[in-house]
């Protein structure tokens, strides 16, 4: 049987595509048979690994791909870099622990959450990203269509589930109850990464029930790392750099028209 046919039957697609280059490198380095075989198999493995990462990134539904290495720590000195480095090691995923990222709008909470999800995906874990609004829409619809158990099971599968923007909109009693059920379902089984612009003291207002909020926080924070960012908004920094606002954050008189244009969130 010809080599090409063997590669096809064994589904060594990546090695087949790069076989000539692999053979040329082996000849240049005068490799023995075992070393050549190791290099060939490594080529196939790297290709499969890269394809797996791309697939998991698509399934994660991230709003954009940003890494932790791209985060501007110098602009947010209040953030503990040591904590972020420890989280980047993904021991929190292995231990099914949670991460809670708090801070005002624009300080990079979503960037950090996405960066942790990218780290997880690169390491071979499954991940999913949902804004709180999208999550609630999905759960409420599932409940009304008698599919809630199935959807809760689906949301229990990702090893890392990112829930973004807790606190921007208050939840109804029904929504808060559904969120609690999701937290309970994932408790000590898989990791949650959540972002919020509200302190924990304000979560009773967000969930419309202090008792329910306490129950949610009890499970969410039992095994969790909290990152608290107290810096300035990246978006305001960019507007200031562009000369559209002054140091006090007020619009300049000659820039009001430009400020009416939408800008991209960090």
Foldseek 3Di string as FASTA:
>chain_A
DDPLVVCVVVVLVQLSVCVVVLVVVCVVVVHDPVVSVVSSVVRSVVVVLVVQLVVLVVVQPQPDAAAPVPQDCVQFVLWDVVVLVVLLVVVCLVQQAEEEEEAAFANCLSNSLNNSCSSQSSVPFHHHEDELVRVLVVQVVCVVVVNNVVVLVVLLRGQEYEYEEQPPAADDLVSLVSVLVSLVSNQSPHYYYYYYHDDLVCVCVRDVHPVSSVSSCCRNVVGYHYTYTYGDHPVLVVCVVVVQADPVSHGDPVNVVVVVDDDDGD
